[in-house]
């Protein structure tokens, strides 16, 4: 079982930067690929970014490429999402995900609101 706790979400203005963190409880954090997803009001949850267990491979949704950066610190059991040049359409609840098939775990989410 992996418990994930996201933090760092808050109200910001368009163009601002924000870094989200996701702390994992599992001592086997290193074996999990980690990802960030988001869900805006009235919309389905969508993929944002993912990072391999070692951190050597990353993948992003097209709309986030060049603005968002995912990283992880396996010594701290933490994954990060650096978000730059934020836009109002980035407003959503951001969720952390730990995945090693067949297991997948979700955090409770952290709210990011971008005002215009």
C-alpha atoms as a PDB file:
ATOM      1  CA  UNK A   1       0.000   0.000   0.000  1.00  0.00           C
ATOM      2  CA  UNK A   2       1.263   3.463  -0.935  1.00  0.00           C
ATOM      3  CA  UNK A   3      -0.078   6.662   0.538  1.00  0.00           C
ATOM      4  CA  UNK A   4       0.456   9.798  -1.512  1.00  0.00           C
ATOM      5  CA  UNK A   5       0.105  13.325  -0.162  1.00  0.00           C
ATOM      6  CA  UNK A   6       0.169  16.240  -2.565  1.00  0.00           C
ATOM      7  CA  UNK A   7       0.956  19.793  -1.547  1.00  0.00           C
ATOM      8  CA  UNK A   8       1.800  23.158  -3.043  1.00  0.00           C
ATOM      9  CA  UNK A   9      -1.436  24.062  -4.748  1.00  0.00           C
ATOM     10  CA  UNK A  10      -2.751  27.580  -4.286  1.00  0.00           C
ATOM     11  CA  UNK A  11      -4.177  30.622  -6.038  1.00  0.00           C
ATOM     12  CA  UNK A  12      -1.749  32.263  -8.457  1.00  0.00           C
ATOM     13  CA  UNK A  13      -1.934  34.745 -11.301  1.00  0.00           C
ATOM     14  CA  UNK A  14      -1.517  33.967 -14.969  1.00  0.00           C
ATOM     15  CA  UNK A  15       2.175  33.792 -15.869  1.00  0.00           C
ATOM     16  CA  UNK A  16       3.244  32.734 -12.392  1.00  0.00           C
ATOM     17  CA  UNK A  17       5.149  29.579 -11.499  1.00  0.00           C
ATOM     18  CA  UNK A  18       4.261  26.941  -8.944  1.00  0.00           C
ATOM     19  CA  UNK A  19       5.841  23.709  -7.739  1.00  0.00           C
ATOM     20  CA  UNK A  20       3.716  20.842  -6.547  1.00  0.00           C
ATOM     21  CA  UNK A  21       5.077  18.073  -4.359  1.00  0.00           C
ATOM     22  CA  UNK A  22       3.868  14.554  -3.744  1.00  0.00           C
ATOM     23  CA  UNK A  23       5.267  12.652  -0.794  1.00  0.00           C
ATOM     24  CA  UNK A  24       4.942   8.871  -0.786  1.00  0.00           C
ATOM     25  CA  UNK A  25       4.795   6.710   2.293  1.00  0.00           C
ATOM     26  CA  UNK A  26       6.148   3.546   0.745  1.00  0.00           C
ATOM     27  CA  UNK A  27       9.755   2.472   1.350  1.00  0.00           C
ATOM     28  CA  UNK A  28       9.586   0.909  -2.099  1.00  0.00           C
ATOM     29  CA  UNK A  29       8.851   4.265  -3.748  1.00  0.00           C
ATOM     30  CA  UNK A  30      11.725   3.750  -6.124  1.00  0.00           C
ATOM     31  CA  UNK A  31      10.007   0.896  -7.949  1.00  0.00           C
ATOM     32  CA  UNK A  32       7.001   2.986  -8.932  1.00  0.00           C
ATOM     33  CA  UNK A  33       6.604   5.061 -12.025  1.00  0.00           C
ATOM     34  CA  UNK A  34       5.049   8.324 -10.888  1.00  0.00           C
ATOM     35  CA  UNK A  35       2.682  10.636 -12.625  1.00  0.00           C
ATOM     36  CA  UNK A  36       0.623  13.783 -12.326  1.00  0.00           C
ATOM     37  CA  UNK A  37      -2.944  14.093 -13.550  1.00  0.00           C
ATOM     38  CA  UNK A  38      -5.429  16.910 -13.250  1.00  0.00           C
ATOM     39  CA  UNK A  39      -9.165  17.379 -13.256  1.00  0.00           C
ATOM     40  CA  UNK A  40     -10.900  20.643 -13.991  1.00  0.00           C
ATOM     41  CA  UNK A  41     -14.520  21.266 -12.949  1.00  0.00           C
ATOM     42  CA  UNK A  42     -16.912  19.451 -15.236  1.00  0.00           C
ATOM     43  CA  UNK A  43     -14.115  17.673 -17.083  1.00  0.00           C
ATOM     44  CA  UNK A  44     -12.540  14.248 -16.987  1.00  0.00           C
ATOM     45  CA  UNK A  45      -9.239  13.615 -15.295  1.00  0.00           C
ATOM     46  CA  UNK A  46      -6.410  14.091 -17.761  1.00  0.00           C
ATOM     47  CA  UNK A  47      -2.773  13.066 -17.920  1.00  0.00           C
ATOM     48  CA  UNK A  48      -0.176  15.755 -17.238  1.00  0.00           C
ATOM     49  CA  UNK A  49       3.227  14.093 -16.938  1.00  0.00           C
ATOM     50  CA  UNK A  50       4.967  10.910 -15.832  1.00  0.00           C
ATOM     51  CA  UNK A  51       8.442   9.871 -14.805  1.00  0.00           C
ATOM     52  CA  UNK A  52      10.095   6.471 -14.696  1.00  0.00           C
ATOM     53  CA  UNK A  53      11.242   4.860 -11.467  1.00  0.00           C
ATOM     54  CA  UNK A  54      14.829   5.993 -12.032  1.00  0.00           C
ATOM     55  CA  UNK A  55      13.892   9.450 -13.245  1.00  0.00           C
ATOM     56  CA  UNK A  56      15.689   8.940 -16.525  1.00  0.00           C
ATOM     57  CA  UNK A  57      12.549   8.984 -18.656  1.00  0.00           C
ATOM     58  CA  UNK A  58       9.771  11.531 -18.663  1.00  0.00           C
ATOM     59  CA  UNK A  59       6.685  12.089 -20.764  1.00  0.00           C
ATOM     60  CA  UNK A  60       4.288  15.025 -20.988  1.00  0.00           C
ATOM     61  CA  UNK A  61       0.920  15.851 -22.379  1.00  0.00           C
ATOM     62  CA  UNK A  62       1.340  18.022 -25.450  1.00  0.00           C
ATOM     63  CA  UNK A  63      -0.241  21.080 -23.868  1.00  0.00           C
ATOM     64  CA  UNK A  64       2.235  20.973 -20.974  1.00  0.00           C
ATOM     65  CA  UNK A  65       5.443  20.427 -22.920  1.00  0.00           C
ATOM     66  CA  UNK A  66       7.904  23.236 -22.356  1.00  0.00           C
ATOM     67  CA  UNK A  67       5.965  24.666 -19.407  1.00  0.00           C
ATOM     68  CA  UNK A  68       5.837  21.796 -16.911  1.00  0.00           C
ATOM     69  CA  UNK A  69       8.688  19.673 -15.583  1.00  0.00           C
ATOM     70  CA  UNK A  70       8.308  16.487 -13.585  1.00  0.00           C
ATOM     71  CA  UNK A  71      11.127  15.266 -11.375  1.00  0.00           C
ATOM     72  CA  UNK A  72      11.654  12.949  -8.443  1.00  0.00           C
ATOM     73  CA  UNK A  73      13.917  12.585  -5.460  1.00  0.00           C
ATOM     74  CA  UNK A  74      13.974   8.920  -4.516  1.00  0.00           C
ATOM     75  CA  UNK A  75      15.941   9.668  -1.350  1.00  0.00           C
ATOM     76  CA  UNK A  76      13.003  11.784  -0.173  1.00  0.00           C
ATOM     77  CA  UNK A  77      10.247   9.586  -1.636  1.00  0.00           C
ATOM     78  CA  UNK A  78       8.935  12.670  -3.389  1.00  0.00           C
ATOM     79  CA  UNK A  79       7.903  13.611  -6.894  1.00  0.00           C
ATOM     80  CA  UNK A  80       7.585  17.200  -8.062  1.00  0.00           C
ATOM     81  CA  UNK A  81       5.778  19.095 -10.760  1.00  0.00           C
ATOM     82  CA  UNK A  82       7.281  22.452 -11.663  1.00  0.00           C
ATOM     83  CA  UNK A  83       4.728  24.536 -13.528  1.00  0.00           C
ATOM     84  CA  UNK A  84       5.757  27.716 -15.324  1.00  0.00           C
ATOM     85  CA  UNK A  85       3.839  30.275 -17.359  1.00  0.00           C
ATOM     86  CA  UNK A  86       0.596  29.178 -15.792  1.00  0.00           C
ATOM     87  CA  UNK A  87      -2.629  29.887 -17.628  1.00  0.00           C
ATOM     88  CA  UNK A  88      -6.216  30.115 -16.366  1.00  0.00           C
ATOM     89  CA  UNK A  89      -6.943  26.858 -18.204  1.00  0.00           C
ATOM     90  CA  UNK A  90      -4.428  25.137 -15.920  1.00  0.00           C
ATOM     91  CA  UNK A  91      -6.899  25.574 -13.075  1.00  0.00           C
ATOM     92  CA  UNK A  92      -7.698  22.114 -11.731  1.00  0.00           C
ATOM     93  CA  UNK A  93      -7.199  19.671  -8.925  1.00  0.00           C
ATOM     94  CA  UNK A  94      -3.826  18.032  -9.472  1.00  0.00           C
ATOM     95  CA  UNK A  95      -3.433  14.396  -8.478  1.00  0.00           C
ATOM     96  CA  UNK A  96      -0.321  12.338  -7.907  1.00  0.00           C
ATOM     97  CA  UNK A  97      -0.243   8.737  -9.112  1.00  0.00           C
ATOM     98  CA  UNK A  98       2.063   5.828  -8.300  1.00  0.00           C
ATOM     99  CA  UNK A  99       1.965   2.979 -10.739  1.00  0.00           C
ATOM    100  CA  UNK A 100       3.449  -0.462 -10.939  1.00  0.00           C
ATOM    101  CA  UNK A 101       1.031  -2.805 -12.663  1.00  0.00           C
ATOM    102  CA  UNK A 102      -1.227  -4.197 -11.440  1.00  0.00           C
ATOM    103  CA  UNK A 103      -1.077  -1.695  -8.566  1.00  0.00           C
ATOM    104  CA  UNK A 104      -1.916   1.976  -8.877  1.00  0.00           C
ATOM    105  CA  UNK A 105      -2.407   4.546  -6.145  1.00  0.00           C
ATOM    106  CA  UNK A 106      -3.774   8.082  -6.035  1.00  0.00           C
ATOM    107  CA  UNK A 107      -3.350  11.017  -3.721  1.00  0.00           C
ATOM    108  CA  UNK A 108      -6.195  13.210  -2.518  1.00  0.00           C
ATOM    109  CA  UNK A 109      -5.294  16.066  -4.854  1.00  0.00           C
ATOM    110  CA  UNK A 110      -4.217  19.670  -4.459  1.00  0.00           C
ATOM    111  CA  UNK A 111      -6.108  22.626  -5.901  1.00  0.00           C
ATOM    112  CA  UNK A 112      -4.367  24.952  -8.326  1.00  0.00           C
ATOM    113  CA  UNK A 113      -6.263  28.058  -9.330  1.00  0.00           C
ATOM    114  CA  UNK A 114      -4.869  30.455 -11.926  1.00  0.00           C
ATOM    115  CA  UNK A 115      -6.517  33.854 -12.140  1.00  0.00           C
ATOM    116  CA  UNK A 116      -6.415  35.939 -15.310  1.00  0.00           C
END
